[in-house]
Protein backbone atom coordinates (compact mmCIF):
# COMPACT_ATOMS: atom_id res chain seq x y z
CA MET A 1 6.98 -19.02 8.00
CA THR A 2 8.11 -22.56 7.07
CA PRO A 3 11.59 -23.66 5.98
CA LEU A 4 12.39 -24.08 2.30
CA LEU A 5 13.39 -27.72 1.94
CA PRO A 6 14.07 -30.27 -0.84
CA VAL A 7 10.46 -31.43 -0.32
CA GLN A 8 8.59 -28.11 -0.40
CA ALA A 9 5.35 -27.30 1.39
CA GLY A 10 3.73 -26.07 -1.82
CA GLY A 11 4.15 -24.78 -5.34
CA ALA A 12 4.95 -21.19 -4.36
CA GLN A 13 7.81 -22.36 -2.13
CA ALA A 14 9.19 -24.58 -4.88
CA PHE A 15 9.00 -21.73 -7.39
CA VAL A 16 10.78 -19.25 -5.09
CA ALA A 17 13.66 -21.70 -4.64
CA ASP A 18 13.84 -22.30 -8.41
CA LEU A 19 13.72 -18.56 -9.09
CA ALA A 20 16.55 -17.85 -6.67
CA ARG A 21 18.72 -20.61 -8.13
CA GLY A 22 17.94 -19.50 -11.66
CA LEU A 23 18.82 -15.86 -11.09
CA ALA A 24 22.02 -16.86 -9.30
CA GLY A 25 22.85 -19.09 -12.25
CA ARG A 26 22.55 -16.07 -14.55
CA GLY A 27 25.24 -14.26 -12.59
CA HIS A 28 23.14 -12.19 -10.20
CA ARG A 29 24.03 -12.04 -6.53
CA VAL A 30 20.97 -13.47 -4.83
CA GLU A 31 20.18 -13.56 -1.11
CA LEU A 32 17.19 -15.72 -0.25
CA TYR A 33 15.46 -14.64 2.97
CA CYS A 34 13.75 -17.65 4.55
CA ALA A 35 12.83 -19.35 7.79
CA GLY A 36 15.55 -20.99 9.86
CA GLY A 37 16.34 -24.58 8.94
CA SER A 38 15.98 -24.01 5.20
CA GLU A 39 18.00 -25.96 2.63
CA VAL A 40 18.36 -24.49 -0.87
CA PRO A 41 21.65 -25.63 -2.45
CA GLY A 42 23.39 -23.12 -4.66
CA VAL A 43 21.87 -20.00 -3.10
CA GLU A 44 23.07 -17.73 -0.30
CA LEU A 45 20.48 -18.02 2.48
CA VAL A 46 19.60 -15.38 5.06
CA GLU A 47 17.77 -17.41 7.67
CA ILE A 48 15.35 -15.74 10.06
CA ALA A 49 14.42 -17.55 13.26
CA VAL A 50 10.67 -18.00 13.71
CA GLY A 51 8.71 -19.93 16.30
CA ALA A 52 6.25 -22.72 15.66
CA GLU A 53 3.41 -20.33 16.46
CA VAL A 54 3.67 -18.73 12.99
CA SER A 55 2.01 -21.83 11.53
CA ARG A 56 -1.27 -20.23 12.66
CA ALA A 57 -0.76 -17.68 9.90
CA LEU A 58 -0.79 -20.22 7.05
CA VAL A 59 -3.38 -19.31 4.42
CA MET A 60 -5.43 -22.11 2.89
CA PRO A 61 -8.07 -21.79 0.14
CA GLY A 62 -11.55 -21.65 1.59
CA ALA A 63 -10.33 -20.27 4.91
CA SER A 64 -9.47 -16.71 5.83
CA ARG A 65 -7.07 -15.76 8.59
CA SER A 66 -9.01 -13.51 10.92
CA GLU A 67 -6.81 -13.31 14.00
CA ALA A 68 -3.55 -11.41 14.25
CA VAL A 69 -0.44 -13.56 14.67
CA PRO A 70 2.10 -11.47 16.63
CA GLU A 71 4.90 -14.01 16.03
CA LEU A 72 4.50 -13.49 12.28
CA ARG A 73 4.95 -9.73 12.48
CA ASP A 74 7.92 -10.21 14.81
CA GLY A 75 9.55 -12.49 12.26
CA PHE A 76 8.97 -10.09 9.39
CA GLU A 77 10.28 -7.19 11.45
CA ARG A 78 13.52 -9.11 12.03
CA LEU A 79 13.66 -10.02 8.35
CA PHE A 80 13.25 -6.49 7.03
CA LYS A 81 15.61 -5.06 9.63
CA GLU A 82 18.31 -7.45 8.39
CA LEU A 83 17.46 -6.71 4.76
CA ARG A 84 17.83 -2.97 5.32
CA ARG A 85 21.11 -3.55 7.13
CA ARG A 86 22.50 -5.56 4.20
CA GLY A 87 20.87 -3.50 1.47
CA ALA A 88 19.52 -4.67 -1.89
CA ASP A 89 19.23 -3.30 -5.41
CA ALA A 90 15.86 -5.01 -5.83
CA VAL A 91 13.53 -7.09 -3.67
CA SER A 92 11.28 -9.85 -5.01
CA GLN A 93 8.74 -10.50 -2.25
CA HIS A 94 6.58 -13.65 -2.29
CA ALA A 95 5.04 -13.94 1.19
CA PHE A 96 1.23 -13.73 1.07
CA ASP A 97 0.95 -11.67 4.24
CA ALA A 98 -0.17 -8.12 4.94
CA GLU A 99 2.79 -7.71 7.27
CA ALA A 100 5.28 -8.38 4.49
CA ILE A 101 3.61 -5.80 2.23
CA GLU A 102 3.41 -3.13 4.93
CA LEU A 103 6.98 -3.55 6.23
CA ALA A 104 8.51 -3.44 2.73
CA GLU A 105 6.83 -0.18 1.76
CA ASP A 106 9.94 1.96 1.25
CA LEU A 107 12.04 -0.72 -0.48
CA PRO A 108 12.61 -1.28 -4.24
CA VAL A 109 10.16 -4.18 -4.14
CA VAL A 110 7.91 -6.14 -6.45
CA HIS A 111 5.33 -8.24 -4.58
CA THR A 112 4.32 -11.46 -6.36
CA LEU A 113 0.85 -12.63 -5.30
CA HIS A 114 0.72 -16.41 -5.61
CA LEU A 115 -2.88 -16.67 -4.39
CA PRO A 116 -6.18 -15.06 -5.37
CA PRO A 117 -7.55 -12.15 -3.26
CA LEU A 118 -8.94 -14.44 -0.56
CA VAL A 119 -7.58 -12.71 2.57
CA PRO A 120 -9.14 -9.29 3.30
CA GLY A 121 -6.08 -8.07 5.20
CA VAL A 122 -3.76 -8.85 2.28
CA VAL A 123 -6.14 -7.17 -0.17
CA ALA A 124 -6.32 -4.04 2.01
CA ALA A 125 -2.54 -3.87 2.42
CA ALA A 126 -2.01 -4.23 -1.33
CA ARG A 127 -4.55 -1.55 -2.20
CA THR A 128 -2.96 1.00 0.12
CA SER A 129 0.63 0.19 -0.84
CA ARG A 130 2.65 2.30 -3.30
CA ALA A 131 4.69 -0.74 -4.35
CA ARG A 132 4.43 -2.74 -7.57
CA PHE A 133 2.48 -6.00 -7.62
CA ALA A 134 2.46 -9.00 -9.93
CA THR A 135 0.50 -12.21 -10.29
CA VAL A 136 1.44 -15.56 -11.81
CA SER A 137 -1.23 -16.08 -14.50
CA GLY A 138 -3.84 -14.26 -16.52
CA SER A 139 -6.56 -15.86 -14.42
CA ALA A 140 -5.00 -14.65 -11.17
CA GLN A 141 -4.46 -11.22 -12.71
CA ALA A 142 -8.17 -10.99 -13.54
CA GLY A 143 -9.06 -12.04 -10.00
CA TRP A 144 -6.96 -9.25 -8.54
CA ALA A 145 -8.38 -6.76 -11.05
CA SER A 146 -11.83 -7.60 -9.65
CA ALA A 147 -10.41 -6.68 -6.25
CA ARG A 148 -9.35 -3.31 -7.73
CA LEU A 149 -5.62 -3.99 -7.82
CA VAL A 150 -3.56 -3.50 -10.98
CA THR A 151 -0.86 -6.15 -11.34
CA ALA A 152 1.83 -7.13 -13.80
CA LEU A 153 2.13 -10.73 -15.02
CA LEU A 154 5.20 -12.65 -13.90
CA PRO A 155 4.45 -16.25 -14.89
CA ASP A 156 5.57 -19.26 -12.91
CA GLY A 157 7.75 -21.86 -14.59
CA VAL A 158 9.45 -25.16 -13.83
CA PRO A 159 12.97 -26.56 -14.28
CA ASP A 160 13.83 -28.62 -17.32
CA TRP A 161 14.97 -32.22 -17.04
CA LYS A 162 15.24 -35.21 -19.36
CA PRO A 163 13.29 -38.31 -18.33
CA GLU A 164 14.89 -41.68 -18.90
CA PRO A 165 12.98 -44.06 -21.18
CA ALA A 166 10.65 -46.18 -19.04
CA PRO A 167 7.42 -48.13 -19.52
CA VAL A 168 4.26 -46.11 -18.96
CA GLU A 169 2.11 -47.62 -16.22
CA PRO A 170 -1.73 -47.59 -16.33
CA VAL A 171 -2.07 -45.19 -13.41
CA ALA A 172 -3.60 -41.74 -13.02
CA LEU A 173 -1.37 -39.66 -10.74
CA ILE A 174 -2.77 -37.11 -8.29
CA ALA A 175 0.08 -35.13 -6.72
CA GLY A 176 0.34 -32.06 -4.52
CA ARG A 177 -1.08 -30.89 -1.23
CA ILE A 178 -3.79 -33.12 0.24
CA SER A 179 -6.53 -30.53 0.68
CA PRO A 180 -10.24 -30.23 -0.20
CA GLU A 181 -9.70 -27.68 -2.98
CA LYS A 182 -7.57 -30.17 -4.92
CA GLY A 183 -10.61 -32.35 -5.76
CA ILE A 184 -8.88 -35.65 -5.04
CA GLU A 185 -12.16 -37.56 -4.71
CA ASP A 186 -13.19 -36.45 -8.21
CA GLY A 187 -9.82 -37.55 -9.57
CA VAL A 188 -10.08 -41.00 -8.01
CA ALA A 189 -13.60 -41.50 -9.35
CA ALA A 190 -12.70 -40.27 -12.85
CA ALA A 191 -9.59 -42.45 -13.03
CA ARG A 192 -11.63 -45.55 -12.23
CA LEU A 193 -14.27 -44.60 -14.80
CA ALA A 194 -11.49 -44.33 -17.39
CA GLY A 195 -10.08 -47.75 -16.44
CA LEU A 196 -6.94 -46.53 -14.72
CA GLU A 197 -5.68 -47.10 -11.20
CA PRO A 198 -5.64 -43.83 -9.23
CA LEU A 199 -2.34 -43.12 -7.50
CA VAL A 200 -2.48 -40.41 -4.83
CA GLU A 201 0.92 -39.22 -3.62
CA ILE A 202 0.36 -38.86 0.12
CA ARG A 203 3.12 -39.56 2.63
CA PRO A 204 5.99 -39.25 2.84
CA PRO A 205 6.06 -36.44 0.26
CA LEU A 206 8.41 -37.24 -2.61
CA PRO A 207 11.44 -35.13 -3.46
CA ARG A 208 10.73 -33.36 -6.73
CA ALA A 209 13.17 -35.44 -8.79
CA GLU A 210 11.39 -38.60 -7.65
CA LEU A 211 7.98 -37.06 -8.33
CA TRP A 212 9.07 -36.12 -11.85
CA ARG A 213 10.22 -39.68 -12.51
CA LEU A 214 6.84 -40.91 -11.26
CA MET A 215 5.12 -38.49 -13.63
CA ALA A 216 7.20 -39.83 -16.52
CA ARG A 217 5.90 -43.35 -15.77
CA SER A 218 2.26 -42.37 -15.19
CA ALA A 219 -0.31 -42.55 -17.98
CA VAL A 220 -1.84 -39.23 -16.96
CA THR A 221 -1.68 -36.61 -14.22
CA LEU A 222 -4.96 -35.24 -12.87
CA MET A 223 -5.77 -31.69 -11.75
CA PRO A 224 -9.47 -31.75 -10.73
CA ALA A 225 -9.24 -28.36 -9.02
CA LYS A 226 -12.19 -27.25 -6.90
CA TRP A 227 -11.00 -23.64 -6.75
CA GLU A 228 -9.59 -20.97 -9.04
CA GLU A 229 -6.12 -22.51 -9.28
CA PRO A 230 -3.75 -19.52 -9.68
CA PHE A 231 -1.21 -21.50 -11.72
CA GLY A 232 -0.86 -25.25 -11.19
CA LEU A 233 2.84 -26.12 -10.96
CA VAL A 234 2.09 -29.86 -10.93
CA ALA A 235 0.40 -29.55 -14.34
CA ALA A 236 3.50 -27.86 -15.75
CA GLU A 237 5.91 -30.36 -14.21
CA ALA A 238 3.90 -33.32 -15.51
CA GLN A 239 3.94 -32.04 -19.08
CA VAL A 240 7.71 -31.42 -18.97
CA ALA A 241 7.98 -35.07 -17.90
CA GLY A 242 5.99 -36.02 -21.00
CA CYS A 243 2.88 -36.91 -19.00
CA PRO A 244 -0.40 -35.46 -20.31
CA VAL A 245 -2.72 -33.68 -17.90
CA ALA A 246 -6.48 -34.06 -17.52
CA ALA A 247 -7.85 -31.09 -15.60
CA TYR A 248 -10.98 -29.16 -14.83
CA ALA A 249 -11.12 -25.95 -16.91
CA ARG A 250 -10.83 -23.74 -13.86
CA GLY A 251 -8.53 -20.91 -12.84
CA ALA A 252 -5.23 -20.83 -14.73
CA LEU A 253 -5.34 -24.47 -15.80
CA PRO A 254 -6.54 -23.59 -19.34
CA GLU A 255 -3.40 -21.43 -19.59
CA VAL A 256 -1.08 -24.17 -18.34
CA VAL A 257 -2.65 -27.17 -20.08
CA SER A 258 -2.70 -26.59 -23.83
CA GLU A 259 -5.88 -28.32 -25.03
CA GLY A 260 -5.05 -31.22 -27.33
CA ALA A 261 -1.29 -30.69 -26.99
CA GLY A 262 -0.45 -31.04 -23.31
CA GLY A 263 -3.68 -32.65 -22.20
CA PHE A 264 -7.42 -32.11 -22.17
CA LEU A 265 -9.79 -30.00 -20.08
CA ALA A 266 -13.13 -31.03 -18.60
CA ARG A 267 -16.15 -29.13 -17.41
CA PRO A 268 -15.60 -28.18 -13.75
CA ASP A 269 -17.00 -30.70 -11.26
CA ASP A 270 -18.11 -33.08 -14.04
CA VAL A 271 -16.49 -36.42 -13.17
CA ALA A 272 -17.73 -38.15 -16.31
CA ASP A 273 -16.28 -35.40 -18.50
CA LEU A 274 -12.99 -35.65 -16.59
CA ALA A 275 -12.94 -39.40 -17.30
CA GLU A 276 -13.41 -38.63 -21.01
CA ALA A 277 -10.53 -36.13 -20.82
CA ILE A 278 -8.38 -38.90 -19.32
CA ARG A 279 -9.24 -41.27 -22.18
CA ARG A 280 -8.33 -38.60 -24.73
CA CYS A 281 -5.02 -37.92 -22.93
CA LEU A 282 -4.01 -41.55 -23.46
CA GLN A 283 -3.99 -40.93 -27.23
CA LEU A 284 -1.47 -38.10 -27.10
CA ASP A 285 2.16 -38.45 -28.25
CA ARG A 286 4.15 -38.09 -25.02
CA SER A 287 7.23 -36.70 -26.77
CA ARG A 288 5.07 -33.91 -28.19
CA VAL A 289 3.54 -33.27 -24.78
CA ARG A 290 7.05 -32.71 -23.46
CA ASP A 291 8.18 -30.59 -26.42
CA GLN A 292 5.30 -28.12 -26.20
CA ALA A 293 5.73 -27.84 -22.43
CA ARG A 294 9.41 -27.01 -22.82
CA GLU A 295 8.47 -24.24 -25.23
CA ARG A 296 5.89 -22.67 -22.89
CA LEU A 297 6.41 -23.57 -19.25
CA LEU A 298 10.10 -23.63 -18.31
CA ILE A 299 11.66 -21.45 -15.61
CA ASP A 300 13.64 -19.55 -18.26
CA ARG A 301 10.59 -17.49 -19.20
CA SER A 302 10.09 -16.63 -15.53
CA LEU A 303 13.72 -15.58 -15.18
CA ASP A 304 13.41 -13.31 -18.22
CA ALA A 305 10.29 -11.68 -16.77
CA TYR A 306 11.79 -11.18 -13.30
CA GLU A 307 15.03 -9.75 -14.68
CA GLU A 308 13.02 -7.16 -16.56
CA ALA A 309 10.69 -6.40 -13.65
CA LEU A 310 13.50 -6.04 -11.12
CA SER A 311 15.91 -4.03 -13.29
């Protein structure tokens, strides 16, 4: 419903672009179906025109879409009509919309659920579908099990890159969507308690390469999540940059942030404990933070999992 661009709207969009590029790089023919105006170098795009009205269908944590959005169904109908015309050996579907699940029912599809079961219509569509479903972390998998849906685990991952040597600045970075569930106010307060300057990446959003370089210069990256974070791509990217992560032990963050190796976890909603986690992060060897992240969190493990699931 929004174009895929060099500065993505969120982690799921960034991951889908990385997944498409990665599979293409392994020799697969990949067609990436996306909204018109998308830019994903290195991948064949099939762009579907959608109107601005589809923005009403965006799903945000803490809010449930209750009204039907006819423009969204129209867009998906055009998408799946074109997909059936072209044909596909396998379909990896990432839209968190009941319409996408319903209209793909007879295709060789695996639906990846990047969010918890927070939209009743999506939950109902998934339960009645005969297709295969996957989630991105053990925490998300457990959440969907509580909603009576069996899912496979197809973990997210991030690209590798090598940061240039640079001085580490005494700042605590808070990156990602500016939204209440991200706990930015807790991060700012904890950073100041720990004696660091909070740096909130607001506008304009940084291209990922620039964000990674900022992570490599930051003393710590904060993830004070106020919700059951289904993965936490920022936490993975920071560690690959060699930047330790201080996070609330909520959702999938204990899976992404290896305690004492990639960062430290704090009791949820406890700002003082988060400040202590920040202080402990400053003692970590940044080269080891990067090494353990490259062993656990790179896109290669995702590509392996998707190749197996889609074969």
